[in-house]
Amino acid sequence: MQQTANYQLNQWDGEDRIMRVDFNSDNAKIDAALQQNAAALSQATADLQSALETERQARASGDTAASQATASAKQELLNAISAEQSARSSGDTAIRGEFAAADAAIRQEFAAADAAVSAACPIFKIQSIVTSQAATQIDLDLRDASYRNLAFLLLIPQVNTASSTVYLRVNGISANNYYVGSTLRSFLSYFNPCNPTGNKPGYAICRLALYTNIISCVTQNVSYDGGGLEFYTSGAIVNPNIAKTSALQTLNVVTEDGGLIDAGSRFTLYGMRF
């Protein structure tokens, strides 16, 4: 009887006698071979799973280490950025402080120089107003005590009105309380407006003396319309029984006929020191 090369299983020829023990022997060999293969396969599977688990753990450990390294590097970068920002902020604050100190020093120097120039200059501007709407009377406030230390007030009125003549009063006083010689009238001085109707435009300067006890004013007026030039001076004093220099509070500008003073009229006031 022939047998297989690997497991020596029986191979019957035609003339061989078939015996039960031969089948049993073959089955035992096959069972042993299958069991051995299964054990080998199981061991190989276990070894492979162990190797895979080892690889997974190694990779997990590597990933954790890499993540930790990345997080550490990121934190170091954030710390560096924060430190840089803090340093820049501190530097900016220091620079701003230096600039602020330098600016304050320069402003003080300019203020001192301006004050010195202003103190040395006998004539200086006090205020300038431009009317925003038409009115029958414009009042300039003179209640500031510093005016009392001046020798003169100089008013340059640029009045726009259809009326032909403009009056200057003080403290709202009218009713023939202004002296010109022995004559009484209702205004301190008068002048032509810049744009009268049917009259020459006028340009005036009003000088009020403050160093005396009596309120007085002299106004010089120039009028010109291309056909002729007119120059005149007007002035008066306030009845001292009504108001004196120490009681001067306002300058009042009105028109002769009670007409409107137009918007855009300008009044510039200067002071003159001794």
C-alpha atoms as a PDB file:
ATOM      1  CA  MET A   1       0.000   0.000   0.000  1.00  0.00           C
ATOM      2  CA  GLN A   2       1.275   3.428  -0.941  1.00  0.00           C
ATOM      3  CA  GLN A   3       1.369   6.455   1.501  1.00  0.00           C
ATOM      4  CA  THR A   4       1.373  10.250   1.015  1.00  0.00           C
ATOM      5  CA  ALA A   5       4.695  12.055   1.223  1.00  0.00           C
ATOM      6  CA  ASN A   6       3.863  14.564   4.016  1.00  0.00           C
ATOM      7  CA  TYR A   7       1.606  12.821   6.498  1.00  0.00           C
ATOM      8  CA  GLN A   8       1.949   9.143   5.349  1.00  0.00           C
ATOM      9  CA  LEU A   9      -1.734   8.723   4.732  1.00  0.00           C
ATOM     10  CA  ASN A  10      -2.723   5.451   3.105  1.00  0.00           C
ATOM     11  CA  GLN A  11      -3.196   5.253  -0.651  1.00  0.00           C
ATOM     12  CA  TRP A  12      -4.969   2.081  -1.721  1.00  0.00           C
ATOM     13  CA  ASP A  13      -4.270   0.249  -4.917  1.00  0.00           C
ATOM     14  CA  GLY A  14      -6.789  -2.063  -6.521  1.00  0.00           C
ATOM     15  CA  GLU A  15      -5.419  -5.191  -5.072  1.00  0.00           C
ATOM     16  CA  ASP A  16      -4.934  -3.756  -1.555  1.00  0.00           C
ATOM     17  CA  ARG A  17      -7.138  -4.971   1.194  1.00  0.00           C
ATOM     18  CA  ILE A  18      -9.112  -2.183   2.897  1.00  0.00           C
ATOM     19  CA  MET A  19      -8.684  -2.318   6.661  1.00  0.00           C
ATOM     20  CA  ARG A  20     -10.502  -0.239   9.326  1.00  0.00           C
ATOM     21  CA  VAL A  21      -7.295   0.335  11.254  1.00  0.00           C
ATOM     22  CA  ASP A  22      -5.857   2.060   8.219  1.00  0.00           C
ATOM     23  CA  PHE A  23      -8.740   4.569   8.194  1.00  0.00           C
ATOM     24  CA  ASN A  24      -8.415   5.137  11.905  1.00  0.00           C
ATOM     25  CA  SER A  25      -4.696   5.665  11.552  1.00  0.00           C
ATOM     26  CA  ASP A  26      -5.215   8.196   8.769  1.00  0.00           C
ATOM     27  CA  ASN A  27      -7.871  10.073  10.794  1.00  0.00           C
ATOM     28  CA  ALA A  28      -5.583  10.210  13.825  1.00  0.00           C
ATOM     29  CA  LYS A  29      -2.761  11.611  11.720  1.00  0.00           C
ATOM     30  CA  ILE A  30      -5.117  14.218  10.157  1.00  0.00           C
ATOM     31  CA  ASP A  31      -6.504  15.187  13.581  1.00  0.00           C
ATOM     32  CA  ALA A  32      -3.012  15.553  15.027  1.00  0.00           C
ATOM     33  CA  ALA A  33      -1.903  17.650  12.052  1.00  0.00           C
ATOM     34  CA  LEU A  34      -4.996  19.860  12.247  1.00  0.00           C
ATOM     35  CA  GLN A  35      -4.550  20.305  15.995  1.00  0.00           C
ATOM     36  CA  GLN A  36      -0.912  21.221  15.508  1.00  0.00           C
ATOM     37  CA  ASN A  37      -1.792  23.721  12.774  1.00  0.00           C
ATOM     38  CA  ALA A  38      -4.538  25.249  14.920  1.00  0.00           C
ATOM     39  CA  ALA A  39      -2.133  25.612  17.839  1.00  0.00           C
ATOM     40  CA  ALA A  40       0.455  27.167  15.575  1.00  0.00           C
ATOM     41  CA  LEU A  41      -2.171  29.521  14.099  1.00  0.00           C
ATOM     42  CA  SER A  42      -3.404  30.483  17.558  1.00  0.00           C
ATOM     43  CA  GLN A  43       0.124  31.164  18.723  1.00  0.00           C
ATOM     44  CA  ALA A  44       0.845  33.182  15.608  1.00  0.00           C
ATOM     45  CA  THR A  45      -2.350  35.168  16.127  1.00  0.00           C
ATOM     46  CA  ALA A  46      -1.459  35.807  19.769  1.00  0.00           C
ATOM     47  CA  ASP A  47       2.052  36.831  18.792  1.00  0.00           C
ATOM     48  CA  LEU A  48       0.688  39.150  16.122  1.00  0.00           C
ATOM     49  CA  GLN A  49      -1.822  40.716  18.541  1.00  0.00           C
ATOM     50  CA  SER A  50       0.946  41.153  21.111  1.00  0.00           C
ATOM     51  CA  ALA A  51       3.161  42.763  18.515  1.00  0.00           C
ATOM     52  CA  LEU A  52       0.308  45.032  17.383  1.00  0.00           C
ATOM     53  CA  GLU A  53      -0.456  46.029  20.996  1.00  0.00           C
ATOM     54  CA  THR A  54       3.218  46.746  21.594  1.00  0.00           C
ATOM     55  CA  GLU A  55       3.270  48.858  18.433  1.00  0.00           C
ATOM     56  CA  ARG A  56       0.061  50.651  19.467  1.00  0.00           C
ATOM     57  CA  GLN A  57       1.442  51.388  22.921  1.00  0.00           C
ATOM     58  CA  ALA A  58       4.678  52.605  21.401  1.00  0.00           C
ATOM     59  CA  ARG A  59       2.795  54.839  19.013  1.00  0.00           C
ATOM     60  CA  ALA A  60       0.516  56.073  21.800  1.00  0.00           C
ATOM     61  CA  SER A  61       3.520  56.813  23.941  1.00  0.00           C
ATOM     62  CA  GLY A  62       5.173  58.548  21.010  1.00  0.00           C
ATOM     63  CA  ASP A  63       2.012  60.533  20.278  1.00  0.00           C
ATOM     64  CA  THR A  64       1.752  61.545  23.931  1.00  0.00           C
ATOM     65  CA  ALA A  65       5.372  62.586  24.003  1.00  0.00           C
ATOM     66  CA  ALA A  66       4.929  64.459  20.718  1.00  0.00           C
ATOM     67  CA  SER A  67       1.754  66.147  21.996  1.00  0.00           C
ATOM     68  CA  GLN A  68       3.503  67.083  25.208  1.00  0.00           C
ATOM     69  CA  ALA A  69       6.461  68.412  23.268  1.00  0.00           C
ATOM     70  CA  THR A  70       4.149  70.385  20.966  1.00  0.00           C
ATOM     71  CA  ALA A  71       2.193  71.769  23.908  1.00  0.00           C
ATOM     72  CA  SER A  72       5.421  72.679  25.687  1.00  0.00           C
ATOM     73  CA  ALA A  73       6.778  74.382  22.573  1.00  0.00           C
ATOM     74  CA  LYS A  74       3.472  76.213  22.066  1.00  0.00           C
ATOM     75  CA  GLN A  75       3.464  77.403  25.669  1.00  0.00           C
ATOM     76  CA  GLU A  76       7.076  78.549  25.354  1.00  0.00           C
ATOM     77  CA  LEU A  77       6.124  80.466  22.213  1.00  0.00           C
ATOM     78  CA  LEU A  78       3.122  82.045  23.949  1.00  0.00           C
ATOM     79  CA  ASN A  79       5.307  82.968  26.910  1.00  0.00           C
ATOM     80  CA  ALA A  80       7.848  84.536  24.561  1.00  0.00           C
ATOM     81  CA  ILE A  81       5.122  86.474  22.751  1.00  0.00           C
ATOM     82  CA  SER A  82       3.664  87.643  26.063  1.00  0.00           C
ATOM     83  CA  ALA A  83       7.080  88.722  27.277  1.00  0.00           C
ATOM     84  CA  GLU A  84       7.678  90.590  23.995  1.00  0.00           C
ATOM     85  CA  GLN A  85       4.306  92.305  24.217  1.00  0.00           C
ATOM     86  CA  SER A  86       4.956  93.232  27.839  1.00  0.00           C
ATOM     87  CA  ALA A  87       8.354  94.609  26.919  1.00  0.00           C
ATOM     88  CA  ARG A  88       6.895  96.592  24.023  1.00  0.00           C
ATOM     89  CA  SER A  89       4.073  97.911  26.204  1.00  0.00           C
ATOM     90  CA  SER A  90       6.553  98.939  28.852  1.00  0.00           C
ATOM     91  CA  GLY A  91       8.724 100.568  26.196  1.00  0.00           C
ATOM     92  CA  ASP A  92       5.727 102.339  24.645  1.00  0.00           C
ATOM     93  CA  THR A  93       4.659 103.601  28.066  1.00  0.00           C
ATOM     94  CA  ALA A  94       8.138 104.904  28.748  1.00  0.00           C
ATOM     95  CA  ILE A  95       8.332 106.589  25.331  1.00  0.00           C
ATOM     96  CA  ARG A  96       4.859 108.083  25.736  1.00  0.00           C
ATOM     97  CA  GLY A  97       5.856 109.379  29.140  1.00  0.00           C
ATOM     98  CA  GLU A  98       8.987 110.951  27.692  1.00  0.00           C
ATOM     99  CA  PHE A  99       7.005 112.534  24.851  1.00  0.00           C
ATOM    100  CA  ALA A 100       4.353 113.795  27.295  1.00  0.00           C
ATOM    101  CA  ALA A 101       7.019 115.300  29.536  1.00  0.00           C
ATOM    102  CA  ALA A 102       8.776 116.883  26.549  1.00  0.00           C
ATOM    103  CA  ASP A 103       5.463 118.202  25.212  1.00  0.00           C
ATOM    104  CA  ALA A 104       4.543 119.652  28.607  1.00  0.00           C
ATOM    105  CA  ALA A 105       7.940 121.322  28.869  1.00  0.00           C
ATOM    106  CA  ILE A 106       7.636 122.791  25.363  1.00  0.00           C
ATOM    107  CA  ARG A 107       4.113 124.019  26.088  1.00  0.00           C
ATOM    108  CA  GLN A 108       5.316 125.649  29.296  1.00  0.00           C
ATOM    109  CA  GLU A 109       8.154 127.340  27.426  1.00  0.00           C
ATOM    110  CA  PHE A 110       5.768 128.585  24.743  1.00  0.00           C
ATOM    111  CA  ALA A 111       3.261 129.735  27.375  1.00  0.00           C
ATOM    112  CA  ALA A 112       6.001 131.604  29.224  1.00  0.00           C
ATOM    113  CA  ALA A 113       7.268 133.151  25.985  1.00  0.00           C
ATOM    114  CA  ASP A 114       3.725 134.060  24.944  1.00  0.00           C
ATOM    115  CA  ALA A 115       3.060 135.597  28.345  1.00  0.00           C
ATOM    116  CA  ALA A 116       6.305 137.576  28.113  1.00  0.00           C
ATOM    117  CA  VAL A 117       5.455 138.834  24.619  1.00  0.00           C
ATOM    118  CA  SER A 118       1.899 139.619  25.672  1.00  0.00           C
ATOM    119  CA  ALA A 119       3.114 141.495  28.735  1.00  0.00           C
ATOM    120  CA  ALA A 120       5.566 143.498  26.621  1.00  0.00           C
ATOM    121  CA  CYS A 121       2.966 144.367  23.980  1.00  0.00           C
ATOM    122  CA  PRO A 122       0.873 147.428  24.940  1.00  0.00           C
ATOM    123  CA  ILE A 123      -2.066 146.515  22.646  1.00  0.00           C
ATOM    124  CA  PHE A 124      -3.661 143.047  22.627  1.00  0.00           C
ATOM    125  CA  LYS A 125      -6.906 141.493  21.394  1.00  0.00           C
ATOM    126  CA  ILE A 126      -9.520 140.794  24.060  1.00  0.00           C
ATOM    127  CA  GLN A 127     -12.390 139.343  22.063  1.00  0.00           C
ATOM    128  CA  SER A 128     -13.909 139.161  18.612  1.00  0.00           C
ATOM    129  CA  ILE A 129     -17.503 138.157  17.944  1.00  0.00           C
ATOM    130  CA  VAL A 130     -19.492 137.683  14.760  1.00  0.00           C
ATOM    131  CA  THR A 131     -23.274 137.836  15.071  1.00  0.00           C
ATOM    132  CA  SER A 132     -25.113 134.677  14.021  1.00  0.00           C
ATOM    133  CA  GLN A 133     -28.535 136.309  13.671  1.00  0.00           C
ATOM    134  CA  ALA A 134     -30.062 139.735  13.190  1.00  0.00           C
ATOM    135  CA  ALA A 135     -30.765 141.792  16.324  1.00  0.00           C
ATOM    136  CA  THR A 136     -31.787 145.321  17.252  1.00  0.00           C
ATOM    137  CA  GLN A 137     -28.951 145.572  19.822  1.00  0.00           C
ATOM    138  CA  ILE A 138     -25.543 143.928  20.276  1.00  0.00           C
ATOM    139  CA  ASP A 139     -24.003 143.878  23.764  1.00  0.00           C
ATOM    140  CA  LEU A 140     -20.305 143.366  24.561  1.00  0.00           C
ATOM    141  CA  ASP A 141     -19.634 142.157  28.121  1.00  0.00           C
ATOM    142  CA  LEU A 142     -17.039 144.265  30.017  1.00  0.00           C
ATOM    143  CA  ARG A 143     -17.652 142.965  33.549  1.00  0.00           C
ATOM    144  CA  ASP A 144     -14.252 141.241  33.749  1.00  0.00           C
ATOM    145  CA  ALA A 145     -12.273 142.997  36.484  1.00  0.00           C
ATOM    146  CA  SER A 146      -9.060 142.781  34.414  1.00  0.00           C
ATOM    147  CA  TYR A 147     -10.420 145.572  32.184  1.00  0.00           C
ATOM    148  CA  ARG A 148      -9.984 147.976  35.072  1.00  0.00           C
ATOM    149  CA  ASN A 149      -6.186 147.749  34.729  1.00  0.00           C
ATOM    150  CA  LEU A 150      -6.193 149.043  31.139  1.00  0.00           C
ATOM    151  CA  ALA A 151      -5.688 152.563  29.890  1.00  0.00           C
ATOM    152  CA  PHE A 152      -8.012 152.260  26.883  1.00  0.00           C
ATOM    153  CA  LEU A 153     -10.424 149.929  25.181  1.00  0.00           C
ATOM    154  CA  LEU A 154     -10.356 149.993  21.378  1.00  0.00           C
ATOM    155  CA  LEU A 155     -13.472 148.781  19.585  1.00  0.00           C
ATOM    156  CA  ILE A 156     -13.477 148.136  15.828  1.00  0.00           C
ATOM    157  CA  PRO A 157     -17.114 147.728  14.750  1.00  0.00           C
ATOM    158  CA  GLN A 158     -17.981 146.274  11.340  1.00  0.00           C
ATOM    159  CA  VAL A 159     -21.741 146.679  11.337  1.00  0.00           C
ATOM    160  CA  ASN A 160     -24.008 145.505   8.528  1.00  0.00           C
ATOM    161  CA  THR A 161     -27.395 147.224   8.561  1.00  0.00           C
ATOM    162  CA  ALA A 162     -29.755 149.078   6.256  1.00  0.00           C
ATOM    163  CA  SER A 163     -29.835 151.977   8.722  1.00  0.00           C
ATOM    164  CA  SER A 164     -27.647 154.983   7.941  1.00  0.00           C
ATOM    165  CA  THR A 165     -26.100 155.554  11.395  1.00  0.00           C
ATOM    166  CA  VAL A 166     -25.029 153.350  14.295  1.00  0.00           C
ATOM    167  CA  TYR A 167     -24.918 154.458  17.946  1.00  0.00           C
ATOM    168  CA  LEU A 168     -22.581 153.285  20.724  1.00  0.00           C
ATOM    169  CA  ARG A 169     -23.862 153.296  24.320  1.00  0.00           C
ATOM    170  CA  VAL A 170     -22.710 151.862  27.662  1.00  0.00           C
ATOM    171  CA  ASN A 171     -24.609 149.869  30.298  1.00  0.00           C
ATOM    172  CA  GLY A 172     -27.794 150.184  28.222  1.00  0.00           C
ATOM    173  CA  ILE A 173     -27.985 153.880  29.120  1.00  0.00           C
ATOM    174  CA  SER A 174     -29.868 156.199  26.723  1.00  0.00           C
ATOM    175  CA  ALA A 175     -32.357 159.015  27.501  1.00  0.00           C
ATOM    176  CA  ASN A 176     -29.968 162.009  27.057  1.00  0.00           C
ATOM    177  CA  ASN A 177     -27.358 160.891  29.592  1.00  0.00           C
ATOM    178  CA  TYR A 178     -24.264 161.604  27.443  1.00  0.00           C
ATOM    179  CA  TYR A 179     -22.519 165.017  27.444  1.00  0.00           C
ATOM    180  CA  VAL A 180     -20.941 166.719  24.452  1.00  0.00           C
ATOM    181  CA  GLY A 181     -19.803 169.970  25.965  1.00  0.00           C
ATOM    182  CA  SER A 182     -22.931 171.183  27.734  1.00  0.00           C
ATOM    183  CA  THR A 183     -25.277 169.368  25.340  1.00  0.00           C
ATOM    184  CA  LEU A 184     -26.974 166.114  26.302  1.00  0.00           C
ATOM    185  CA  ARG A 185     -27.754 163.333  23.842  1.00  0.00           C
ATOM    186  CA  SER A 186     -28.805 159.650  23.923  1.00  0.00           C
ATOM    187  CA  PHE A 187     -25.550 158.006  22.753  1.00  0.00           C
ATOM    188  CA  LEU A 188     -21.837 158.057  23.502  1.00  0.00           C
ATOM    189  CA  SER A 189     -20.657 158.166  19.862  1.00  0.00           C
ATOM    190  CA  TYR A 190     -21.861 157.331  16.368  1.00  0.00           C
ATOM    191  CA  PHE A 191     -20.441 156.004  13.076  1.00  0.00           C
ATOM    192  CA  ASN A 192     -21.516 154.781   9.653  1.00  0.00           C
ATOM    193  CA  PRO A 193     -22.227 151.067   9.045  1.00  0.00           C
ATOM    194  CA  CYS A 194     -20.314 149.062   6.447  1.00  0.00           C
ATOM    195  CA  ASN A 195     -23.267 148.559   4.093  1.00  0.00           C
ATOM    196  CA  PRO A 196     -25.851 151.321   4.578  1.00  0.00           C
ATOM    197  CA  THR A 197     -28.678 151.988   2.142  1.00  0.00           C
ATOM    198  CA  GLY A 198     -28.307 155.338   0.384  1.00  0.00           C
ATOM    199  CA  ASN A 199     -25.234 156.370   2.370  1.00  0.00           C
ATOM    200  CA  LYS A 200     -21.463 155.963   2.250  1.00  0.00           C
ATOM    201  CA  PRO A 201     -20.015 152.826   3.877  1.00  0.00           C
ATOM    202  CA  GLY A 202     -18.067 153.658   7.010  1.00  0.00           C
ATOM    203  CA  TYR A 203     -15.112 152.238   8.902  1.00  0.00           C
ATOM    204  CA  ALA A 204     -14.632 153.300  12.503  1.00  0.00           C
ATOM    205  CA  ILE A 205     -12.528 152.829  15.631  1.00  0.00           C
ATOM    206  CA  CYS A 206     -13.920 153.717  19.059  1.00  0.00           C
ATOM    207  CA  ARG A 207     -11.474 154.536  21.869  1.00  0.00           C
ATOM    208  CA  LEU A 208     -12.801 154.419  25.443  1.00  0.00           C
ATOM    209  CA  ALA A 209     -10.622 155.855  28.222  1.00  0.00           C
ATOM    210  CA  LEU A 210     -10.557 153.673  31.347  1.00  0.00           C
ATOM    211  CA  TYR A 211      -7.862 155.422  33.379  1.00  0.00           C
ATOM    212  CA  THR A 212     -10.164 158.307  34.284  1.00  0.00           C
ATOM    213  CA  ASN A 213     -13.103 158.253  36.636  1.00  0.00           C
ATOM    214  CA  ILE A 214     -15.462 159.433  33.898  1.00  0.00           C
ATOM    215  CA  ILE A 215     -16.474 157.128  31.026  1.00  0.00           C
ATOM    216  CA  SER A 216     -15.454 158.848  27.804  1.00  0.00           C
ATOM    217  CA  CYS A 217     -15.181 157.815  24.162  1.00  0.00           C
ATOM    218  CA  VAL A 218     -13.739 159.237  20.950  1.00  0.00           C
ATOM    219  CA  THR A 219     -14.732 157.606  17.636  1.00  0.00           C
ATOM    220  CA  GLN A 220     -12.947 158.232  14.349  1.00  0.00           C
ATOM    221  CA  ASN A 221     -14.963 157.348  11.242  1.00  0.00           C
ATOM    222  CA  VAL A 222     -13.944 157.214   7.579  1.00  0.00           C
ATOM    223  CA  SER A 223     -16.615 156.943   4.867  1.00  0.00           C
ATOM    224  CA  TYR A 224     -15.945 156.379   1.184  1.00  0.00           C
ATOM    225  CA  ASP A 225     -18.127 155.372  -1.753  1.00  0.00           C
ATOM    226  CA  GLY A 226     -15.807 156.075  -4.676  1.00  0.00           C
ATOM    227  CA  GLY A 227     -17.177 159.579  -5.157  1.00  0.00           C
ATOM    228  CA  GLY A 228     -15.780 161.178  -2.079  1.00  0.00           C
ATOM    229  CA  LEU A 229     -14.058 160.650   1.231  1.00  0.00           C
ATOM    230  CA  GLU A 230     -15.438 161.819   4.546  1.00  0.00           C
ATOM    231  CA  PHE A 231     -13.637 161.802   7.870  1.00  0.00           C
ATOM    232  CA  TYR A 232     -15.162 162.867  11.146  1.00  0.00           C
ATOM    233  CA  THR A 233     -14.718 162.395  14.879  1.00  0.00           C
ATOM    234  CA  SER A 234     -17.474 161.964  17.435  1.00  0.00           C
ATOM    235  CA  GLY A 235     -17.372 161.492  21.158  1.00  0.00           C
ATOM    236  CA  ALA A 236     -18.904 162.233  24.513  1.00  0.00           C
ATOM    237  CA  ILE A 237     -18.782 161.385  28.199  1.00  0.00           C
ATOM    238  CA  VAL A 238     -21.350 159.555  30.303  1.00  0.00           C
ATOM    239  CA  ASN A 239     -23.144 161.645  32.886  1.00  0.00           C
ATOM    240  CA  PRO A 240     -20.978 160.855  35.960  1.00  0.00           C
ATOM    241  CA  ASN A 241     -24.071 160.918  38.152  1.00  0.00           C
ATOM    242  CA  ILE A 242     -25.382 157.940  36.131  1.00  0.00           C
ATOM    243  CA  ALA A 243     -22.244 155.768  35.703  1.00  0.00           C
ATOM    244  CA  LYS A 244     -18.489 156.012  36.192  1.00  0.00           C
ATOM    245  CA  THR A 245     -15.577 153.969  34.846  1.00  0.00           C
ATOM    246  CA  SER A 246     -15.636 151.562  37.787  1.00  0.00           C
ATOM    247  CA  ALA A 247     -19.252 150.729  36.954  1.00  0.00           C
ATOM    248  CA  LEU A 248     -18.664 150.007  33.257  1.00  0.00           C
ATOM    249  CA  GLN A 249     -20.359 146.696  32.393  1.00  0.00           C
ATOM    250  CA  THR A 250     -21.408 146.574  28.725  1.00  0.00           C
ATOM    251  CA  LEU A 251     -20.963 148.292  25.394  1.00  0.00           C
ATOM    252  CA  ASN A 252     -24.213 148.489  23.441  1.00  0.00           C
ATOM    253  CA  VAL A 253     -24.486 148.877  19.671  1.00  0.00           C
ATOM    254  CA  VAL A 254     -27.828 150.024  18.219  1.00  0.00           C
ATOM    255  CA  THR A 255     -28.998 151.796  15.056  1.00  0.00           C
ATOM    256  CA  GLU A 256     -30.271 155.338  14.924  1.00  0.00           C
ATOM    257  CA  ASP A 257     -33.767 154.272  13.851  1.00  0.00           C
ATOM    258  CA  GLY A 258     -34.021 151.045  15.826  1.00  0.00           C
ATOM    259  CA  GLY A 259     -33.423 148.918  12.717  1.00  0.00           C
ATOM    260  CA  LEU A 260     -31.885 145.452  12.670  1.00  0.00           C
ATOM    261  CA  ILE A 261     -28.166 144.789  12.813  1.00  0.00           C
ATOM    262  CA  ASP A 262     -27.635 141.994  10.318  1.00  0.00           C
ATOM    263  CA  ALA A 263     -26.082 138.599  10.998  1.00  0.00           C
ATOM    264  CA  GLY A 264     -22.393 138.520  10.096  1.00  0.00           C
ATOM    265  CA  SER A 265     -21.583 141.845  11.772  1.00  0.00           C
ATOM    266  CA  ARG A 266     -18.206 141.722  13.538  1.00  0.00           C
ATOM    267  CA  PHE A 267     -17.046 143.461  16.717  1.00  0.00           C
ATOM    268  CA  THR A 268     -13.368 143.242  17.695  1.00  0.00           C
ATOM    269  CA  LEU A 269     -12.221 144.586  21.057  1.00  0.00           C
ATOM    270  CA  TYR A 270      -8.609 145.416  21.958  1.00  0.00           C
ATOM    271  CA  GLY A 271      -7.043 146.501  25.219  1.00  0.00           C
ATOM    272  CA  MET A 272      -4.250 149.053  25.627  1.00  0.00           C
ATOM    273  CA  ARG A 273      -1.967 149.050  28.654  1.00  0.00           C
ATOM    274  CA  PHE A 274      -0.205 152.081  30.103  1.00  0.00           C
END
